[in-house]
């Protein structure tokens, strides 16, 4: 009821239930949905900054996810620049 009263919009996807290949009844595939979500993040329609809890080097990030996963919501892996 709150969604109607507050005029909220909920957008979501249950990825594992989406087909791998399009069908006549359900053309939205896993690949299509992945592309859509990345497009929405890239063009600013979906703000995910609030979901990032940590920005860590790879080893520290994996340690956090292994040992303290309740503290991590969204982890960005910082990899050092590789020289060419």
N, C-alpha and C. Protein backbone atom coordinates (compact mmCIF):
# COMPACT_ATOMS: atom_id res chain seq x y z
N UNK A 1 0.81 -1.20 0.00
CA UNK A 1 0.00 0.00 0.00
C UNK A 1 0.86 1.27 0.00
N UNK A 2 2.01 1.22 0.71
CA UNK A 2 2.89 2.40 0.74
C UNK A 2 3.36 2.81 -0.64
N UNK A 3 3.58 1.82 -1.51
CA UNK A 3 4.03 2.16 -2.85
C UNK A 3 3.00 3.01 -3.57
N UNK A 4 1.75 2.69 -3.41
CA UNK A 4 0.69 3.46 -4.07
C UNK A 4 0.52 4.82 -3.41
N UNK A 5 0.51 4.87 -2.10
CA UNK A 5 0.30 6.13 -1.40
C UNK A 5 1.45 7.11 -1.61
N UNK A 6 2.67 6.59 -1.61
CA UNK A 6 3.85 7.45 -1.77
C UNK A 6 4.30 7.57 -3.22
N UNK A 7 3.59 6.91 -4.12
CA UNK A 7 3.91 6.92 -5.54
C UNK A 7 5.36 6.50 -5.79
N UNK A 8 5.78 5.44 -5.10
CA UNK A 8 7.13 4.91 -5.25
C UNK A 8 7.23 4.02 -6.48
N UNK A 9 8.43 3.91 -7.01
CA UNK A 9 8.71 3.03 -8.13
C UNK A 9 9.75 2.02 -7.68
N UNK A 10 9.46 0.76 -7.87
CA UNK A 10 10.39 -0.31 -7.53
C UNK A 10 10.83 -0.99 -8.82
N UNK A 11 12.13 -1.02 -9.05
CA UNK A 11 12.67 -1.70 -10.23
C UNK A 11 13.56 -2.82 -9.73
N UNK A 12 13.41 -3.99 -10.31
CA UNK A 12 14.23 -5.10 -9.88
C UNK A 12 14.25 -6.20 -10.91
N UNK A 13 15.08 -7.18 -10.62
CA UNK A 13 15.20 -8.31 -11.52
C UNK A 13 15.63 -9.52 -10.72
N UNK A 14 15.02 -10.64 -10.99
CA UNK A 14 15.43 -11.89 -10.38
C UNK A 14 16.16 -12.67 -11.46
N UNK A 15 17.43 -12.39 -11.59
CA UNK A 15 18.23 -12.86 -12.71
C UNK A 15 18.18 -14.37 -12.97
N UNK A 16 18.30 -15.23 -11.95
CA UNK A 16 18.32 -16.67 -12.25
C UNK A 16 17.05 -17.19 -12.92
N UNK A 17 15.94 -16.50 -12.78
CA UNK A 17 14.69 -16.96 -13.37
C UNK A 17 14.51 -16.50 -14.81
N UNK A 18 15.36 -15.61 -15.27
CA UNK A 18 15.25 -15.13 -16.64
C UNK A 18 15.88 -16.14 -17.59
N UNK A 19 15.31 -16.29 -18.77
CA UNK A 19 15.85 -17.28 -19.71
C UNK A 19 17.20 -16.84 -20.30
N UNK A 20 17.95 -17.81 -20.75
CA UNK A 20 19.21 -17.53 -21.42
C UNK A 20 18.94 -17.15 -22.88
N UNK A 21 17.93 -17.76 -23.47
CA UNK A 21 17.55 -17.48 -24.85
C UNK A 21 16.14 -16.89 -24.85
N UNK A 22 15.89 -15.87 -25.68
CA UNK A 22 14.56 -15.27 -25.71
C UNK A 22 13.51 -16.25 -26.23
N UNK A 23 12.31 -16.07 -25.71
CA UNK A 23 11.17 -16.85 -26.20
C UNK A 23 10.09 -15.88 -26.67
N UNK A 24 9.10 -16.38 -27.32
CA UNK A 24 8.01 -15.53 -27.78
C UNK A 24 7.25 -14.88 -26.63
N UNK A 25 7.17 -15.57 -25.51
CA UNK A 25 6.44 -15.04 -24.36
C UNK A 25 7.32 -14.22 -23.43
N UNK A 26 8.64 -14.44 -23.47
CA UNK A 26 9.53 -13.76 -22.54
C UNK A 26 10.84 -13.43 -23.25
N UNK A 27 10.90 -12.26 -23.92
CA UNK A 27 12.09 -11.92 -24.70
C UNK A 27 13.25 -11.34 -23.87
N UNK A 28 13.04 -11.09 -22.58
CA UNK A 28 14.05 -10.44 -21.75
C UNK A 28 14.98 -11.49 -21.15
N UNK A 29 16.16 -11.61 -21.72
CA UNK A 29 17.11 -12.63 -21.30
C UNK A 29 18.03 -12.11 -20.20
N UNK A 30 18.81 -13.02 -19.62
CA UNK A 30 19.80 -12.63 -18.62
C UNK A 30 20.79 -11.63 -19.21
N UNK A 31 21.24 -11.89 -20.43
CA UNK A 31 22.19 -10.99 -21.09
C UNK A 31 21.57 -9.60 -21.31
N UNK A 32 20.33 -9.56 -21.74
CA UNK A 32 19.64 -8.28 -21.94
C UNK A 32 19.55 -7.52 -20.63
N UNK A 33 19.15 -8.21 -19.56
CA UNK A 33 19.01 -7.55 -18.26
C UNK A 33 20.34 -7.02 -17.74
N UNK A 34 21.41 -7.79 -17.93
CA UNK A 34 22.74 -7.31 -17.51
C UNK A 34 23.09 -6.01 -18.25
N UNK A 35 22.84 -6.01 -19.54
CA UNK A 35 23.12 -4.81 -20.33
C UNK A 35 22.29 -3.62 -19.88
N UNK A 36 21.03 -3.86 -19.58
CA UNK A 36 20.15 -2.78 -19.15
C UNK A 36 20.62 -2.17 -17.82
N UNK A 37 20.99 -3.02 -16.87
CA UNK A 37 21.40 -2.51 -15.57
C UNK A 37 22.70 -1.72 -15.69
N UNK A 38 23.63 -2.20 -16.51
CA UNK A 38 24.89 -1.46 -16.69
C UNK A 38 24.64 -0.13 -17.41
N UNK A 39 23.73 -0.12 -18.37
CA UNK A 39 23.37 1.13 -19.05
C UNK A 39 22.76 2.12 -18.07
N UNK A 40 21.88 1.64 -17.21
CA UNK A 40 21.23 2.52 -16.23
C UNK A 40 22.22 3.08 -15.21
N UNK A 41 23.20 2.28 -14.83
CA UNK A 41 24.25 2.78 -13.92
C UNK A 41 25.10 3.82 -14.65
N UNK A 42 25.50 3.51 -15.88
CA UNK A 42 26.38 4.40 -16.64
C UNK A 42 25.73 5.75 -16.93
N UNK A 43 24.43 5.77 -17.23
CA UNK A 43 23.81 7.05 -17.57
C UNK A 43 23.16 7.75 -16.38
N UNK A 44 23.34 7.20 -15.18
CA UNK A 44 22.90 7.88 -13.97
C UNK A 44 21.46 7.63 -13.56
N UNK A 45 20.74 6.81 -14.27
CA UNK A 45 19.36 6.52 -13.86
C UNK A 45 19.30 5.64 -12.62
N UNK A 46 20.36 4.89 -12.37
CA UNK A 46 20.43 4.03 -11.19
C UNK A 46 21.69 4.39 -10.43
N UNK A 47 21.51 5.00 -9.26
CA UNK A 47 22.64 5.45 -8.44
C UNK A 47 23.00 4.34 -7.46
N UNK A 48 24.18 3.77 -7.62
CA UNK A 48 24.61 2.66 -6.76
C UNK A 48 25.68 3.09 -5.75
N UNK A 49 26.00 4.38 -5.70
CA UNK A 49 27.04 4.84 -4.78
C UNK A 49 26.75 4.46 -3.34
N UNK A 50 25.50 4.52 -2.93
CA UNK A 50 25.12 4.18 -1.57
C UNK A 50 25.27 2.70 -1.24
N UNK A 51 25.47 1.88 -2.26
CA UNK A 51 25.63 0.44 -2.04
C UNK A 51 27.09 0.04 -1.86
N UNK A 52 28.01 0.99 -2.09
CA UNK A 52 29.44 0.68 -1.98
C UNK A 52 29.86 0.89 -0.53
N UNK A 53 30.26 -0.20 0.11
CA UNK A 53 30.68 -0.12 1.51
C UNK A 53 32.20 -0.05 1.66
N UNK A 54 32.93 -0.55 0.69
CA UNK A 54 34.40 -0.59 0.78
C UNK A 54 35.03 -0.45 -0.60
N UNK A 55 36.21 0.15 -0.61
CA UNK A 55 37.10 0.18 -1.78
C UNK A 55 38.45 -0.29 -1.27
N UNK A 56 38.82 -1.50 -1.65
CA UNK A 56 40.00 -2.12 -1.07
C UNK A 56 40.86 -2.79 -2.14
N UNK A 57 42.18 -2.92 -1.86
CA UNK A 57 43.02 -3.75 -2.73
C UNK A 57 42.49 -5.18 -2.72
N UNK A 58 42.76 -5.92 -3.78
CA UNK A 58 42.21 -7.26 -3.96
C UNK A 58 42.35 -8.18 -2.77
N UNK A 59 43.55 -8.29 -2.21
CA UNK A 59 43.79 -9.22 -1.10
C UNK A 59 42.95 -8.84 0.12
N UNK A 60 42.91 -7.54 0.43
CA UNK A 60 42.11 -7.09 1.59
C UNK A 60 40.63 -7.30 1.35
N UNK A 61 40.19 -7.06 0.13
CA UNK A 61 38.78 -7.25 -0.21
C UNK A 61 38.37 -8.70 -0.04
N UNK A 62 39.18 -9.61 -0.54
CA UNK A 62 38.85 -11.03 -0.41
C UNK A 62 38.87 -11.47 1.05
N UNK A 63 39.80 -10.93 1.85
CA UNK A 63 39.84 -11.26 3.27
C UNK A 63 38.56 -10.78 3.96
N UNK A 64 38.14 -9.55 3.65
CA UNK A 64 36.90 -9.02 4.22
C UNK A 64 35.71 -9.90 3.84
N UNK A 65 35.60 -10.26 2.58
CA UNK A 65 34.48 -11.07 2.13
C UNK A 65 34.50 -12.47 2.73
N UNK A 66 35.69 -12.98 3.00
CA UNK A 66 35.80 -14.31 3.60
C UNK A 66 35.53 -14.28 5.11
N UNK A 67 36.13 -13.30 5.81
CA UNK A 67 36.12 -13.31 7.28
C UNK A 67 35.05 -12.43 7.91
N UNK A 68 34.63 -11.39 7.23
CA UNK A 68 33.69 -10.43 7.82
C UNK A 68 32.60 -10.04 6.82
N UNK A 69 32.03 -11.01 6.17
CA UNK A 69 31.10 -10.70 5.09
C UNK A 69 29.88 -9.90 5.54
N UNK A 70 29.53 -9.95 6.82
CA UNK A 70 28.40 -9.15 7.30
C UNK A 70 28.69 -7.65 7.27
N UNK A 71 29.95 -7.27 7.20
CA UNK A 71 30.34 -5.86 7.15
C UNK A 71 30.35 -5.32 5.72
N UNK A 72 30.30 -6.20 4.74
CA UNK A 72 30.46 -5.79 3.34
C UNK A 72 29.12 -5.81 2.62
N UNK A 73 28.81 -4.70 1.97
CA UNK A 73 27.62 -4.65 1.12
C UNK A 73 28.04 -4.69 -0.34
N UNK A 74 28.80 -3.69 -0.73
CA UNK A 74 29.34 -3.63 -2.09
C UNK A 74 30.82 -3.32 -2.01
N UNK A 75 31.64 -4.18 -2.54
CA UNK A 75 33.08 -4.03 -2.44
C UNK A 75 33.66 -3.76 -3.83
N UNK A 76 34.38 -2.66 -3.95
CA UNK A 76 35.08 -2.30 -5.18
C UNK A 76 36.52 -2.75 -5.01
N UNK A 77 36.99 -3.55 -5.96
CA UNK A 77 38.39 -4.01 -5.92
C UNK A 77 39.28 -2.98 -6.58
N UNK A 78 40.28 -2.51 -5.85
CA UNK A 78 41.28 -1.57 -6.39
C UNK A 78 42.50 -2.37 -6.81
N UNK A 79 42.75 -2.44 -8.09
CA UNK A 79 43.92 -3.15 -8.60
C UNK A 79 44.96 -2.12 -8.99
N UNK A 80 46.23 -2.37 -8.66
CA UNK A 80 47.29 -1.41 -9.04
C UNK A 80 47.41 -1.33 -10.56
N UNK A 81 47.84 -0.14 -11.02
CA UNK A 81 48.06 0.04 -12.45
C UNK A 81 49.23 -0.86 -12.88
N UNK A 82 49.06 -1.52 -13.97
CA UNK A 82 50.12 -2.34 -14.52
C UNK A 82 50.89 -1.51 -15.54
N UNK A 83 52.19 -1.50 -15.42
CA UNK A 83 53.00 -0.77 -16.41
C UNK A 83 53.17 -1.63 -17.65
N UNK A 84 53.23 -0.99 -18.78
CA UNK A 84 53.38 -1.72 -20.05
C UNK A 84 54.79 -1.67 -20.52
